[in-house]
Protein backbone atom coordinates (compact mmCIF):
# COMPACT_ATOMS: atom_id res chain seq x y z
CA UNK A 1 163.57 61.36 186.72
CA UNK A 2 163.01 65.05 187.52
CA UNK A 3 163.01 65.85 191.22
CA UNK A 4 162.19 68.91 193.27
CA UNK A 5 163.93 70.98 195.95
CA UNK A 6 163.14 74.38 197.42
CA UNK A 7 165.27 77.42 198.19
CA UNK A 8 163.13 79.96 200.03
CA UNK A 9 160.43 81.12 197.62
CA UNK A 10 162.12 79.38 194.68
CA UNK A 11 161.29 75.85 193.63
CA UNK A 12 164.28 74.17 191.95
CA UNK A 13 163.31 71.41 189.55
CA UNK A 14 166.23 69.17 188.65
CA UNK A 15 165.89 67.56 185.24
CA UNK A 16 168.18 64.58 185.97
CA UNK A 17 168.24 61.62 188.29
CA UNK A 18 169.12 62.46 191.88
CA UNK A 19 172.73 61.58 192.68
CA UNK A 20 173.75 61.09 189.04
CA UNK A 21 175.70 63.40 186.76
CA UNK A 22 175.78 61.30 183.58
CA UNK A 23 172.19 61.72 182.38
CA UNK A 24 171.36 63.46 179.11
CA UNK A 25 167.88 64.21 180.49
CA UNK A 26 166.10 63.10 177.36
CA UNK A 27 162.33 63.24 177.19
CA UNK A 28 161.12 59.68 177.71
CA UNK A 29 157.30 59.61 178.05
CA UNK A 30 157.63 58.64 181.72
CA UNK A 31 160.05 61.53 182.19
CA UNK A 32 157.50 63.93 180.68
CA UNK A 33 154.80 62.62 183.01
CA UNK A 34 157.05 63.16 186.02
CA UNK A 35 157.98 66.65 184.80
CA UNK A 36 154.30 67.61 184.68
CA UNK A 37 153.71 65.93 188.04
CA UNK A 38 156.43 68.02 189.67
CA UNK A 39 154.98 71.19 188.12
CA UNK A 40 151.61 70.21 189.59
CA UNK A 41 153.26 70.04 193.02
CA UNK A 42 154.82 73.46 192.53
CA UNK A 43 151.53 75.01 191.47
CA UNK A 44 149.71 73.52 194.46
CA UNK A 45 151.80 75.73 196.77
CA UNK A 46 150.60 79.04 198.18
CA UNK A 47 152.17 82.46 198.36
CA UNK A 48 155.06 84.09 196.49
CA UNK A 49 157.00 81.61 194.41
CA UNK A 50 159.12 81.14 191.30
CA UNK A 51 160.51 78.16 189.42
CA UNK A 52 164.07 77.36 188.35
CA UNK A 53 164.98 74.33 186.28
CA UNK A 54 168.52 72.97 186.24
CA UNK A 55 170.37 69.70 185.81
CA UNK A 56 173.65 68.19 186.92
CA UNK A 57 176.61 67.08 184.87
CA UNK A 58 177.41 67.84 181.23
CA UNK A 59 173.87 68.29 179.90
CA UNK A 60 170.94 70.51 180.67
CA UNK A 61 168.96 68.37 178.23
CA UNK A 62 169.57 66.61 174.94
CA UNK A 63 165.87 66.71 174.15
CA UNK A 64 164.00 63.93 172.39
CA UNK A 65 164.48 60.36 173.57
CA UNK A 66 165.46 59.06 170.14
CA UNK A 67 165.93 55.49 171.38
CA UNK A 68 162.32 55.38 172.54
CA UNK A 69 161.09 57.32 169.52
CA UNK A 70 162.57 55.04 166.87
CA UNK A 71 161.48 51.99 168.83
CA UNK A 72 157.89 53.28 168.95
CA UNK A 73 157.53 55.04 165.66
CA UNK A 74 153.83 54.23 165.44
CA UNK A 75 153.36 56.66 168.35
CA UNK A 76 155.57 59.47 167.03
CA UNK A 77 152.78 62.03 166.69
CA UNK A 78 151.43 61.34 170.18
CA UNK A 79 154.96 61.55 171.58
CA UNK A 80 155.80 64.86 169.93
CA UNK A 81 152.58 66.40 171.18
CA UNK A 82 153.53 65.30 174.70
CA UNK A 83 156.88 67.07 174.25
CA UNK A 84 155.09 70.19 173.04
CA UNK A 85 152.91 70.11 176.15
CA UNK A 86 155.95 70.92 178.31
CA UNK A 87 156.71 74.01 176.26
CA UNK A 88 153.12 75.27 176.51
CA UNK A 89 153.05 74.56 180.24
CA UNK A 90 156.14 76.65 180.88
CA UNK A 91 155.09 79.52 178.61
CA UNK A 92 151.91 79.97 180.65
CA UNK A 93 153.21 78.89 184.05
CA UNK A 94 151.56 80.61 187.00
CA UNK A 95 154.81 81.97 188.43
CA UNK A 96 158.08 83.38 187.05
CA UNK A 97 160.39 80.77 185.49
CA UNK A 98 164.16 80.77 184.97
CA UNK A 99 166.22 78.10 183.23
CA UNK A 100 169.67 77.55 184.73
CA UNK A 101 171.36 76.16 181.63
CA UNK A 102 174.25 74.42 183.34
CA UNK A 103 175.39 72.40 180.32
CA UNK A 104 174.52 71.52 176.74
CA UNK A 105 170.95 72.29 175.66
CA UNK A 106 170.34 70.64 172.31
CA UNK A 107 167.26 70.25 170.12
CA UNK A 108 164.08 69.98 172.16
CA UNK A 109 166.24 70.54 175.26
CA UNK A 110 167.16 73.97 173.88
CA UNK A 111 163.47 74.58 173.22
CA UNK A 112 162.64 73.65 176.81
CA UNK A 113 165.05 76.33 178.03
CA UNK A 114 163.58 78.81 175.55
CA UNK A 115 160.11 78.16 176.99
CA UNK A 116 161.11 79.76 180.31
CA UNK A 117 160.71 83.46 181.03
CA UNK A 118 164.47 83.92 181.46
CA UNK A 119 167.68 81.94 181.00
CA UNK A 120 171.03 81.96 182.81
CA UNK A 121 173.72 79.99 180.96
CA UNK A 122 177.04 78.59 182.03
CA UNK A 123 179.76 80.81 180.60
CA UNK A 124 182.80 78.58 180.34
CA UNK A 125 181.41 75.65 178.36
CA UNK A 126 178.21 74.23 176.95
CA UNK A 127 176.10 75.12 173.93
CA UNK A 128 172.53 76.02 173.06
CA UNK A 129 171.90 74.38 169.68
CA UNK A 130 169.17 73.26 167.29
CA UNK A 131 170.95 70.49 165.33
CA UNK A 132 167.90 69.22 163.42
CA UNK A 133 169.21 70.40 160.03
CA UNK A 134 172.28 68.17 160.43
CA UNK A 135 170.20 65.23 161.62
CA UNK A 136 167.71 65.33 158.74
CA UNK A 137 164.88 65.97 161.19
CA UNK A 138 162.02 68.41 160.57
CA UNK A 139 160.70 70.95 163.01
CA UNK A 140 157.09 70.34 163.92
CA UNK A 141 154.56 73.11 163.46
CA UNK A 142 154.65 73.52 167.22
CA UNK A 143 158.44 73.70 167.47
CA UNK A 144 158.61 76.17 164.59
CA UNK A 145 156.04 78.37 166.32
CA UNK A 146 157.96 78.32 169.59
CA UNK A 147 161.35 79.15 168.09
CA UNK A 148 160.17 81.80 165.64
CA UNK A 149 158.05 83.57 168.25
CA UNK A 150 160.67 83.50 171.01
CA UNK A 151 163.65 84.53 168.85
CA UNK A 152 164.11 87.24 166.25
CA UNK A 153 163.59 86.12 162.67
CA UNK A 154 167.27 86.27 161.71
CA UNK A 155 168.42 84.42 164.84
CA UNK A 156 165.75 81.77 164.30
CA UNK A 157 166.85 81.41 160.68
CA UNK A 158 170.48 80.99 161.66
CA UNK A 159 169.74 78.60 164.51
CA UNK A 160 167.32 76.44 162.52
CA UNK A 161 169.05 76.34 159.11
CA UNK A 162 172.71 76.18 160.16
CA UNK A 163 172.61 74.26 163.44
CA UNK A 164 174.96 76.82 164.97
CA UNK A 165 176.22 76.03 168.46
CA UNK A 166 175.82 79.13 170.61
CA UNK A 167 178.13 79.50 173.60
CA UNK A 168 176.90 81.79 176.37
CA UNK A 169 178.34 85.09 175.11
CA UNK A 170 177.00 84.52 171.59
CA UNK A 171 173.65 83.38 172.98
CA UNK A 172 173.36 86.60 174.99
CA UNK A 173 174.23 88.68 171.92
CA UNK A 174 171.55 86.83 169.94
CA UNK A 175 168.93 87.30 172.65
CA UNK A 176 168.65 83.56 173.28
CA UNK A 177 169.72 83.82 176.93
CA UNK A 178 169.75 86.71 179.37
CA UNK A 179 172.79 86.19 181.58
CA UNK A 180 175.89 84.04 181.99
CA UNK A 181 177.65 82.83 185.10
CA UNK A 182 180.54 80.61 186.12
CA UNK A 183 179.79 76.91 186.32
CA UNK A 184 179.47 76.88 190.10
CA UNK A 185 177.31 80.01 190.12
CA UNK A 186 174.74 79.29 187.40
CA UNK A 187 172.13 77.89 189.75
CA UNK A 188 172.68 80.60 192.35
CA UNK A 189 172.35 83.31 189.70
CA UNK A 190 169.12 81.76 188.40
CA UNK A 191 167.71 81.44 191.93
CA UNK A 192 168.59 85.07 192.69
CA UNK A 193 166.84 86.23 189.51
CA UNK A 194 163.81 84.05 190.24
CA UNK A 195 163.57 85.09 193.90
CA UNK A 196 163.44 88.75 192.90
CA UNK A 197 160.35 87.96 190.81
CA UNK A 198 158.56 85.59 193.22
CA UNK A 199 156.23 88.34 194.39
CA UNK A 200 154.82 88.58 190.86
CA UNK A 201 152.99 85.31 191.36
CA UNK A 202 149.49 86.71 191.09
CA UNK A 203 146.38 85.55 189.22
CA UNK A 204 147.03 88.01 186.40
CA UNK A 205 150.50 86.63 185.57
CA UNK A 206 149.37 83.60 183.51
CA UNK A 207 146.77 85.82 181.82
CA UNK A 208 149.56 88.18 180.73
CA UNK A 209 151.68 85.25 179.56
CA UNK A 210 148.88 83.68 177.52
CA UNK A 211 148.32 86.96 175.69
CA UNK A 212 152.03 87.60 175.26
CA UNK A 213 152.67 84.13 173.80
CA UNK A 214 149.38 83.78 171.94
CA UNK A 215 150.84 82.98 168.53
CA UNK A 216 153.39 80.54 169.91
CA UNK A 217 150.67 78.80 171.92
CA UNK A 218 148.45 78.53 168.87
CA UNK A 219 151.23 76.70 167.08
CA UNK A 220 152.08 74.57 170.09
CA UNK A 221 148.52 73.29 170.32
CA UNK A 222 148.48 72.25 166.65
CA UNK A 223 148.31 68.44 166.66
CA UNK A 224 151.23 66.72 164.95
CA UNK A 225 149.98 64.69 162.00
CA UNK A 226 151.56 62.83 159.07
CA UNK A 227 150.57 65.76 156.89
CA UNK A 228 152.51 68.36 158.87
CA UNK A 229 155.45 66.17 159.88
CA UNK A 230 157.18 65.08 156.70
CA UNK A 231 160.68 63.69 156.44
CA UNK A 232 162.63 64.20 153.25
CA UNK A 233 165.05 61.29 153.12
CA UNK A 234 166.93 62.95 150.29
């Protein structure tokens, strides 16, 4: 489950289980609840602050909990809307946010990173990737809105229709991430970037973010229904 630490003015939210490095940090419903609960704790603080998310081990996040999803397919629309709620929460978060992408970020895990204000990615290994085209999975209206509003049209097209795996240098060139760092410096680089912005935590910041991300947020709040989530088994 996600857990929280603090480094000066920077809250560091770990996506994995404390003491473990083998988690893929997939979005089980309980995991999503804990993620929101930790963000509630961060937002209840006073004064200058910023948020960094990071994980340990090989993965930043592999996204959807497919084991839970295919075992509870009658709740698929509810589940996907819960996933979307994390993206909306981060886009409008009341303080600066930085994703320290310390390992693979795939599918909805890549989208989680993209929902932050800034991203620092490990330079020596790890990929940002949207593999849905290879998996025969559609993008929800909400996911499409997030990706197409946060990335340029041509980068979104390449990422969504080819499933390209972007290493750090290519991700920077494509505007997907902002900075790269060595494996043992990713978190420190993200904390440094976040700390420099902590003073921007003011009441107007979420107002600016809501306006800036208005079209993405409109898509993210579109309920997932059978009509707008269609699988083509062919």
